[in-house]
Amino acid sequence: MGLVRQIHESVSKVLKRKTATRTQGPAHLADGARAEALAERHLVGHGLTMIARNLRSRWGEIDLIAADGEAIVFVEVRLRSDARYGGAAASISAAKQMRLVRTAGSFLVGAGCAYANRPCRFDVVLLDRLDAGHIEWIRGAFDAF
């Protein structure tokens, strides 16, 4: 019985390590969350009021939703530390814009129906590193098609 118990304990330790590693997630997701937190602080510091974070729909995700006066602002946050692939701004393709527009529409029809008659805007917050001094906020970065 002692050998079976040792094997069971060894296997349990290995499985616990794998579970702990898996729940931490990839480093780029943690960096993305930190970038979103920096963007949120920046926007709130400029007078916006947060409505929602990480809204998911079948079409995609919107990082931040805020109110800027009467306008509802859908915010995409992009962190790109390597400009070889065009930097943060270049990563927001027409397809990505369409997914954001569809997700925003889903929000306005569902949980955000109280905001449906307000003007909407799509902003982008770009970071080339995790530093509040390196935030570029583009208001009205694109329009709904």
N, C-alpha and C. Protein backbone atom coordinates (compact mmCIF):
# COMPACT_ATOMS: atom_id res chain seq x y z
N MET A 1 0.81 -1.20 0.00
CA MET A 1 0.00 0.00 0.00
C MET A 1 0.85 1.26 0.00
N GLY A 2 2.04 1.20 0.62
CA GLY A 2 2.89 2.38 0.69
C GLY A 2 3.30 2.89 -0.68
N LEU A 3 3.60 1.98 -1.60
CA LEU A 3 4.00 2.35 -2.95
C LEU A 3 2.86 3.03 -3.70
N VAL A 4 1.66 2.51 -3.58
CA VAL A 4 0.49 3.10 -4.24
C VAL A 4 0.25 4.51 -3.73
N ARG A 5 0.39 4.68 -2.41
CA ARG A 5 0.20 6.01 -1.82
C ARG A 5 1.26 6.99 -2.34
N GLN A 6 2.51 6.57 -2.45
CA GLN A 6 3.58 7.43 -2.96
C GLN A 6 3.31 7.83 -4.40
N ILE A 7 2.89 6.88 -5.21
CA ILE A 7 2.57 7.19 -6.62
C ILE A 7 1.43 8.18 -6.68
N HIS A 8 0.39 7.95 -5.88
CA HIS A 8 -0.77 8.84 -5.87
C HIS A 8 -0.34 10.26 -5.46
N GLU A 9 0.47 10.38 -4.43
CA GLU A 9 0.92 11.69 -3.97
C GLU A 9 1.78 12.38 -5.02
N SER A 10 2.65 11.63 -5.70
CA SER A 10 3.49 12.20 -6.76
C SER A 10 2.65 12.71 -7.92
N VAL A 11 1.69 11.91 -8.33
CA VAL A 11 0.81 12.31 -9.43
C VAL A 11 -0.01 13.53 -9.03
N SER A 12 -0.51 13.55 -7.80
CA SER A 12 -1.28 14.69 -7.32
C SER A 12 -0.46 15.97 -7.34
N LYS A 13 0.81 15.89 -6.93
CA LYS A 13 1.67 17.07 -6.94
C LYS A 13 1.87 17.60 -8.36
N VAL A 14 2.09 16.70 -9.30
CA VAL A 14 2.28 17.10 -10.70
C VAL A 14 1.02 17.77 -11.23
N LEU A 15 -0.12 17.17 -10.96
CA LEU A 15 -1.38 17.74 -11.44
C LEU A 15 -1.66 19.10 -10.82
N LYS A 16 -1.35 19.28 -9.57
CA LYS A 16 -1.54 20.57 -8.91
C LYS A 16 -0.65 21.63 -9.55
N ARG A 17 0.59 21.30 -9.86
CA ARG A 17 1.49 22.25 -10.52
C ARG A 17 0.95 22.66 -11.87
N LYS A 18 0.47 21.70 -12.65
CA LYS A 18 -0.07 22.01 -13.97
C LYS A 18 -1.30 22.89 -13.86
N THR A 19 -2.16 22.63 -12.89
CA THR A 19 -3.36 23.43 -12.69
C THR A 19 -2.98 24.85 -12.29
N ALA A 20 -2.02 24.99 -11.38
CA ALA A 20 -1.60 26.32 -10.94
C ALA A 20 -1.01 27.11 -12.10
N THR A 21 -0.21 26.49 -12.93
CA THR A 21 0.38 27.16 -14.08
C THR A 21 -0.70 27.59 -15.07
N ARG A 22 -1.66 26.72 -15.31
CA ARG A 22 -2.71 27.00 -16.28
C ARG A 22 -3.58 28.17 -15.83
N THR A 23 -3.88 28.30 -14.54
CA THR A 23 -4.76 29.36 -14.08
C THR A 23 -4.08 30.72 -14.13
N GLN A 24 -2.76 30.75 -14.09
CA GLN A 24 -2.07 32.03 -14.19
C GLN A 24 -2.21 32.61 -15.58
N GLY A 25 -2.26 31.81 -16.58
CA GLY A 25 -2.44 32.25 -17.95
C GLY A 25 -1.17 32.77 -18.57
N PRO A 26 -1.23 32.97 -19.89
CA PRO A 26 -0.07 33.48 -20.61
C PRO A 26 0.29 34.90 -20.20
N ALA A 27 1.57 35.21 -20.29
CA ALA A 27 2.06 36.54 -19.89
C ALA A 27 1.41 37.65 -20.71
N HIS A 28 1.15 37.41 -22.00
CA HIS A 28 0.58 38.48 -22.83
C HIS A 28 -0.83 38.85 -22.37
N LEU A 29 -1.56 37.91 -21.77
CA LEU A 29 -2.89 38.24 -21.25
C LEU A 29 -2.78 39.11 -20.01
N ALA A 30 -1.80 38.83 -19.17
CA ALA A 30 -1.58 39.67 -17.99
C ALA A 30 -1.15 41.06 -18.41
N ASP A 31 -0.29 41.17 -19.42
CA ASP A 31 0.11 42.48 -19.94
C ASP A 31 -1.08 43.22 -20.52
N GLY A 32 -1.96 42.49 -21.21
CA GLY A 32 -3.16 43.11 -21.76
C GLY A 32 -4.05 43.67 -20.68
N ALA A 33 -4.21 42.93 -19.58
CA ALA A 33 -5.03 43.40 -18.46
C ALA A 33 -4.41 44.64 -17.83
N ARG A 34 -3.08 44.67 -17.72
CA ARG A 34 -2.41 45.86 -17.17
C ARG A 34 -2.57 47.05 -18.12
N ALA A 35 -2.50 46.80 -19.42
CA ALA A 35 -2.69 47.88 -20.39
C ALA A 35 -4.11 48.44 -20.30
N GLU A 36 -5.09 47.56 -20.14
CA GLU A 36 -6.47 48.02 -20.00
C GLU A 36 -6.66 48.83 -18.73
N ALA A 37 -6.01 48.42 -17.64
CA ALA A 37 -6.10 49.17 -16.38
C ALA A 37 -5.47 50.55 -16.53
N LEU A 38 -4.32 50.63 -17.21
CA LEU A 38 -3.69 51.93 -17.47
C LEU A 38 -4.60 52.82 -18.31
N ALA A 39 -5.18 52.23 -19.35
CA ALA A 39 -6.09 52.99 -20.23
C ALA A 39 -7.30 53.49 -19.45
N GLU A 40 -7.86 52.63 -18.62
CA GLU A 40 -9.02 53.02 -17.82
C GLU A 40 -8.69 54.19 -16.91
N ARG A 41 -7.57 54.12 -16.20
CA ARG A 41 -7.17 55.24 -15.33
C ARG A 41 -6.99 56.52 -16.12
N HIS A 42 -6.41 56.39 -17.32
CA HIS A 42 -6.20 57.56 -18.17
C HIS A 42 -7.53 58.19 -18.58
N LEU A 43 -8.45 57.36 -19.01
CA LEU A 43 -9.76 57.86 -19.46
C LEU A 43 -10.55 58.46 -18.31
N VAL A 44 -10.56 57.80 -17.16
CA VAL A 44 -11.27 58.34 -15.99
C VAL A 44 -10.62 59.66 -15.57
N GLY A 45 -9.32 59.74 -15.66
CA GLY A 45 -8.61 60.97 -15.35
C GLY A 45 -8.97 62.12 -16.27
N HIS A 46 -9.47 61.79 -17.46
CA HIS A 46 -9.91 62.80 -18.42
C HIS A 46 -11.43 62.98 -18.41
N GLY A 47 -12.09 62.50 -17.36
CA GLY A 47 -13.50 62.78 -17.16
C GLY A 47 -14.49 61.75 -17.66
N LEU A 48 -14.04 60.64 -18.22
CA LEU A 48 -14.97 59.61 -18.66
C LEU A 48 -15.42 58.77 -17.47
N THR A 49 -16.60 58.20 -17.56
CA THR A 49 -17.14 57.33 -16.53
C THR A 49 -17.26 55.92 -17.10
N MET A 50 -16.67 54.96 -16.41
CA MET A 50 -16.70 53.58 -16.90
C MET A 50 -18.09 52.97 -16.73
N ILE A 51 -18.52 52.28 -17.77
CA ILE A 51 -19.80 51.57 -17.77
C ILE A 51 -19.57 50.06 -17.69
N ALA A 52 -18.61 49.56 -18.48
CA ALA A 52 -18.36 48.12 -18.52
C ALA A 52 -16.92 47.86 -18.96
N ARG A 53 -16.45 46.66 -18.62
CA ARG A 53 -15.11 46.21 -19.00
C ARG A 53 -15.23 44.84 -19.64
N ASN A 54 -14.42 44.60 -20.63
CA ASN A 54 -14.30 43.29 -21.28
C ASN A 54 -15.66 42.69 -21.65
N LEU A 55 -16.43 43.45 -22.39
CA LEU A 55 -17.73 42.98 -22.87
C LEU A 55 -17.52 41.98 -24.00
N ARG A 56 -18.06 40.80 -23.84
CA ARG A 56 -17.91 39.77 -24.87
C ARG A 56 -19.25 39.51 -25.53
N SER A 57 -19.18 39.25 -26.81
CA SER A 57 -20.35 38.82 -27.58
C SER A 57 -19.88 37.72 -28.51
N ARG A 58 -20.80 37.21 -29.30
CA ARG A 58 -20.40 36.16 -30.25
C ARG A 58 -19.48 36.69 -31.33
N TRP A 59 -19.41 38.00 -31.49
CA TRP A 59 -18.56 38.60 -32.53
C TRP A 59 -17.18 38.99 -32.02
N GLY A 60 -17.05 39.19 -30.71
CA GLY A 60 -15.76 39.61 -30.20
C GLY A 60 -15.87 40.22 -28.83
N GLU A 61 -14.91 41.08 -28.52
CA GLU A 61 -14.83 41.70 -27.21
C GLU A 61 -14.52 43.18 -27.35
N ILE A 62 -15.13 43.97 -26.48
CA ILE A 62 -14.79 45.39 -26.35
C ILE A 62 -14.12 45.54 -25.00
N ASP A 63 -12.94 46.16 -25.00
CA ASP A 63 -12.16 46.26 -23.77
C ASP A 63 -12.83 47.13 -22.72
N LEU A 64 -13.23 48.32 -23.11
CA LEU A 64 -13.83 49.27 -22.17
C LEU A 64 -15.03 49.96 -22.81
N ILE A 65 -16.05 50.21 -22.01
CA ILE A 65 -17.19 51.02 -22.45
C ILE A 65 -17.33 52.12 -21.42
N ALA A 66 -17.40 53.36 -21.90
CA ALA A 66 -17.43 54.51 -21.00
C ALA A 66 -18.45 55.53 -21.49
N ALA A 67 -18.76 56.46 -20.62
CA ALA A 67 -19.61 57.60 -20.99
C ALA A 67 -18.72 58.83 -20.98
N ASP A 68 -18.84 59.62 -22.04
CA ASP A 68 -18.15 60.89 -22.15
C ASP A 68 -19.23 61.93 -22.37
N GLY A 69 -19.73 62.49 -21.28
CA GLY A 69 -20.91 63.35 -21.38
C GLY A 69 -22.09 62.48 -21.79
N GLU A 70 -22.75 62.85 -22.87
CA GLU A 70 -23.89 62.07 -23.37
C GLU A 70 -23.44 60.91 -24.27
N ALA A 71 -22.22 60.97 -24.77
CA ALA A 71 -21.75 59.95 -25.72
C ALA A 71 -21.33 58.67 -25.01
N ILE A 72 -21.64 57.55 -25.64
CA ILE A 72 -21.15 56.25 -25.19
C ILE A 72 -19.90 55.95 -26.01
N VAL A 73 -18.84 55.62 -25.32
CA VAL A 73 -17.54 55.41 -25.97
C VAL A 73 -17.13 53.94 -25.83
N PHE A 74 -16.91 53.30 -26.97
CA PHE A 74 -16.42 51.93 -27.01
C PHE A 74 -14.92 52.01 -27.27
N VAL A 75 -14.14 51.46 -26.36
CA VAL A 75 -12.68 51.66 -26.39
C VAL A 75 -11.96 50.34 -26.64
N GLU A 76 -11.11 50.34 -27.63
CA GLU A 76 -10.20 49.22 -27.90
C GLU A 76 -8.83 49.64 -27.39
N VAL A 77 -8.22 48.79 -26.55
CA VAL A 77 -6.90 49.06 -25.99
C VAL A 77 -5.91 48.15 -26.70
N ARG A 78 -4.83 48.72 -27.20
CA ARG A 78 -3.81 47.93 -27.91
C ARG A 78 -2.44 48.19 -27.33
N LEU A 79 -1.78 47.12 -26.95
CA LEU A 79 -0.40 47.17 -26.48
C LEU A 79 0.45 46.44 -27.49
N ARG A 80 1.40 47.13 -28.06
CA ARG A 80 2.33 46.51 -29.00
C ARG A 80 3.72 47.03 -28.68
N SER A 81 4.56 46.17 -28.21
CA SER A 81 5.93 46.59 -27.88
C SER A 81 6.88 46.41 -29.04
N ASP A 82 6.44 45.78 -30.10
CA ASP A 82 7.29 45.53 -31.25
C ASP A 82 6.68 46.16 -32.50
N ALA A 83 7.32 47.16 -33.04
CA ALA A 83 6.78 47.88 -34.20
C ALA A 83 7.02 47.15 -35.52
N ARG A 84 7.69 45.99 -35.49
CA ARG A 84 7.97 45.26 -36.74
C ARG A 84 6.70 44.89 -37.49
N TYR A 85 5.60 44.72 -36.77
CA TYR A 85 4.36 44.32 -37.40
C TYR A 85 3.41 45.51 -37.57
N GLY A 86 3.92 46.72 -37.54
CA GLY A 86 3.11 47.89 -37.78
C GLY A 86 2.67 48.64 -36.55
N GLY A 87 3.02 48.19 -35.37
CA GLY A 87 2.65 48.88 -34.16
C GLY A 87 1.20 48.63 -33.78
N ALA A 88 0.79 49.28 -32.70
CA ALA A 88 -0.54 49.05 -32.14
C ALA A 88 -1.66 49.52 -33.07
N ALA A 89 -1.51 50.67 -33.67
CA ALA A 89 -2.57 51.21 -34.52
C ALA A 89 -2.83 50.33 -35.74
N ALA A 90 -1.77 49.78 -36.31
CA ALA A 90 -1.91 48.95 -37.51
C ALA A 90 -2.62 47.63 -37.22
N SER A 91 -2.70 47.26 -35.95
CA SER A 91 -3.31 45.98 -35.61
C SER A 91 -4.84 46.04 -35.58
N ILE A 92 -5.41 47.21 -35.78
CA ILE A 92 -6.87 47.35 -35.76
C ILE A 92 -7.35 47.38 -37.21
N SER A 93 -7.50 46.21 -37.75
CA SER A 93 -7.89 46.04 -39.16
C SER A 93 -9.37 46.36 -39.36
N ALA A 94 -9.78 46.40 -40.61
CA ALA A 94 -11.20 46.60 -40.93
C ALA A 94 -12.05 45.47 -40.35
N ALA A 95 -11.54 44.26 -40.37
CA ALA A 95 -12.27 43.12 -39.79
C ALA A 95 -12.43 43.31 -38.29
N LYS A 96 -11.38 43.77 -37.61
CA LYS A 96 -11.45 44.01 -36.17
C LYS A 96 -12.46 45.12 -35.89
N GLN A 97 -12.44 46.16 -36.70
CA GLN A 97 -13.40 47.25 -36.53
C GLN A 97 -14.83 46.75 -36.66
N MET A 98 -15.07 45.89 -37.63
CA MET A 98 -16.41 45.34 -37.83
C MET A 98 -16.84 44.51 -36.63
N ARG A 99 -15.93 43.73 -36.06
CA ARG A 99 -16.26 42.95 -34.87
C ARG A 99 -16.60 43.86 -33.69
N LEU A 100 -15.86 44.95 -33.55
CA LEU A 100 -16.14 45.91 -32.48
C LEU A 100 -17.51 46.57 -32.67
N VAL A 101 -17.82 46.93 -33.90
CA VAL A 101 -19.11 47.56 -34.20
C VAL A 101 -20.25 46.58 -33.89
N ARG A 102 -20.10 45.34 -34.29
CA ARG A 102 -21.14 44.34 -34.03
C ARG A 102 -21.30 44.09 -32.53
N THR A 103 -20.20 44.02 -31.82
CA THR A 103 -20.27 43.81 -30.37
C THR A 103 -20.92 45.02 -29.69
N ALA A 104 -20.61 46.22 -30.16
CA ALA A 104 -21.24 47.42 -29.62
C ALA A 104 -22.75 47.39 -29.87
N GLY A 105 -23.15 46.98 -31.06
CA GLY A 105 -24.57 46.86 -31.38
C GLY A 105 -25.25 45.86 -30.47
N SER A 106 -24.58 44.76 -30.21
CA SER A 106 -25.11 43.74 -29.31
C SER A 106 -25.31 44.32 -27.91
N PHE A 107 -24.36 45.10 -27.45
CA PHE A 107 -24.46 45.75 -26.14
C PHE A 107 -25.65 46.70 -26.11
N LEU A 108 -25.80 47.51 -27.15
CA LEU A 108 -26.88 48.51 -27.17
C LEU A 108 -28.26 47.87 -27.24
N VAL A 109 -28.35 46.72 -27.87
CA VAL A 109 -29.63 46.01 -27.95
C VAL A 109 -29.94 45.29 -26.64
N GLY A 110 -28.91 44.81 -25.98
CA GLY A 110 -29.10 44.01 -24.76
C GLY A 110 -28.95 44.85 -23.51
N ALA A 111 -27.86 44.60 -22.80
CA ALA A 111 -27.63 45.21 -21.49
C ALA A 111 -27.54 46.73 -21.54
N GLY A 112 -27.11 47.27 -22.66
CA GLY A 112 -26.93 48.72 -22.76
C GLY A 112 -28.09 49.44 -23.40
N CYS A 113 -29.28 48.81 -23.41
CA CYS A 113 -30.41 49.42 -24.12
C CYS A 113 -30.75 50.80 -23.56
N ALA A 114 -30.41 51.09 -22.31
CA ALA A 114 -30.65 52.41 -21.73
C ALA A 114 -29.81 53.48 -22.43
N TYR A 115 -28.76 53.06 -23.13
CA TYR A 115 -27.87 54.00 -23.82
C TYR A 115 -28.14 54.06 -25.32
N ALA A 116 -29.12 53.32 -25.80
CA ALA A 116 -29.32 53.14 -27.24
C ALA A 116 -29.58 54.43 -28.00
N ASN A 117 -30.14 55.43 -27.37
CA ASN A 117 -30.46 56.68 -28.07
C ASN A 117 -29.36 57.73 -27.94
N ARG A 118 -28.27 57.37 -27.32
CA ARG A 118 -27.16 58.32 -27.17
C ARG A 118 -26.21 58.21 -28.35
N PRO A 119 -25.47 59.26 -28.63
CA PRO A 119 -24.44 59.15 -29.68
C PRO A 119 -23.34 58.20 -29.22
N CYS A 120 -22.75 57.50 -30.17
CA CYS A 120 -21.70 56.53 -29.87
C CYS A 120 -20.42 56.91 -30.60
N ARG A 121 -19.32 56.49 -30.01
CA ARG A 121 -18.01 56.78 -30.58
C ARG A 121 -17.10 55.59 -30.33
N PHE A 122 -16.19 55.35 -31.27
CA PHE A 122 -15.20 54.29 -31.14
C PHE A 122 -13.82 54.92 -30.98
N ASP A 123 -13.25 54.74 -29.80
CA ASP A 123 -11.93 55.27 -29.50
C ASP A 123 -10.92 54.13 -29.42
N VAL A 124 -9.67 54.49 -29.56
CA VAL A 124 -8.58 53.53 -29.44
C VAL A 124 -7.54 54.12 -28.49
N VAL A 125 -7.06 53.29 -27.57
CA VAL A 125 -5.96 53.68 -26.70
C VAL A 125 -4.78 52.80 -27.07
N LEU A 126 -3.70 53.43 -27.47
CA LEU A 126 -2.51 52.72 -27.93
C LEU A 126 -1.38 52.87 -26.92
N LEU A 127 -0.69 51.79 -26.67
CA LEU A 127 0.48 51.81 -25.80
C LEU A 127 1.61 51.06 -26.49
N ASP A 128 2.79 51.64 -26.46
CA ASP A 128 3.94 50.91 -27.00
C ASP A 128 4.75 50.26 -25.87
N ARG A 129 4.34 50.52 -24.63
CA ARG A 129 4.88 49.85 -23.44
C ARG A 129 3.95 50.10 -22.28
N LEU A 130 4.09 49.34 -21.23
CA LEU A 130 3.22 49.47 -20.06
C LEU A 130 3.67 50.64 -19.20
N ASP A 131 3.38 51.84 -19.68
CA ASP A 131 3.79 53.06 -19.02
C ASP A 131 2.75 54.13 -19.32
N ALA A 132 2.20 54.75 -18.29
CA ALA A 132 1.16 55.77 -18.47
C ALA A 132 1.65 56.95 -19.31
N GLY A 133 2.95 57.17 -19.33
CA GLY A 133 3.51 58.25 -20.14
C GLY A 133 3.54 57.95 -21.63
N HIS A 134 3.20 56.73 -22.01
CA HIS A 134 3.25 56.32 -23.41
C HIS A 134 1.87 55.95 -23.94
N ILE A 135 0.85 56.63 -23.46
CA ILE A 135 -0.52 56.38 -23.92
C ILE A 135 -0.86 57.36 -25.03
N GLU A 136 -1.39 56.82 -26.10
CA GLU A 136 -1.93 57.65 -27.19
C GLU A 136 -3.42 57.33 -27.28
N TRP A 137 -4.25 58.35 -27.06
CA TRP A 137 -5.70 58.19 -27.08
C TRP A 137 -6.24 58.81 -28.35
N ILE A 138 -6.83 58.00 -29.19
CA ILE A 138 -7.40 58.49 -30.46
C ILE A 138 -8.92 58.48 -30.32
N ARG A 139 -9.50 59.67 -30.19
CA ARG A 139 -10.96 59.79 -30.09
C ARG A 139 -11.56 59.66 -31.49
N GLY A 140 -12.65 58.92 -31.59
CA GLY A 140 -13.30 58.77 -32.89
C GLY A 140 -12.38 58.13 -33.92
N ALA A 141 -11.69 57.08 -33.52
CA ALA A 141 -10.68 56.44 -34.38
C ALA A 141 -11.28 55.88 -35.66
N PHE A 142 -12.53 55.42 -35.58
CA PHE A 142 -13.22 54.90 -36.77
C PHE A 142 -14.71 55.02 -36.53
N ASP A 143 -15.47 54.92 -37.61
CA ASP A 143 -16.92 55.00 -37.54
C ASP A 143 -17.53 53.63 -37.79
N ALA A 144 -18.77 53.48 -37.32
CA ALA A 144 -19.51 52.25 -37.64
C ALA A 144 -19.82 52.29 -39.13
N PHE A 145 -19.71 51.17 -39.80
CA PHE A 145 -19.90 51.14 -41.25
C PHE A 145 -21.37 51.17 -41.58
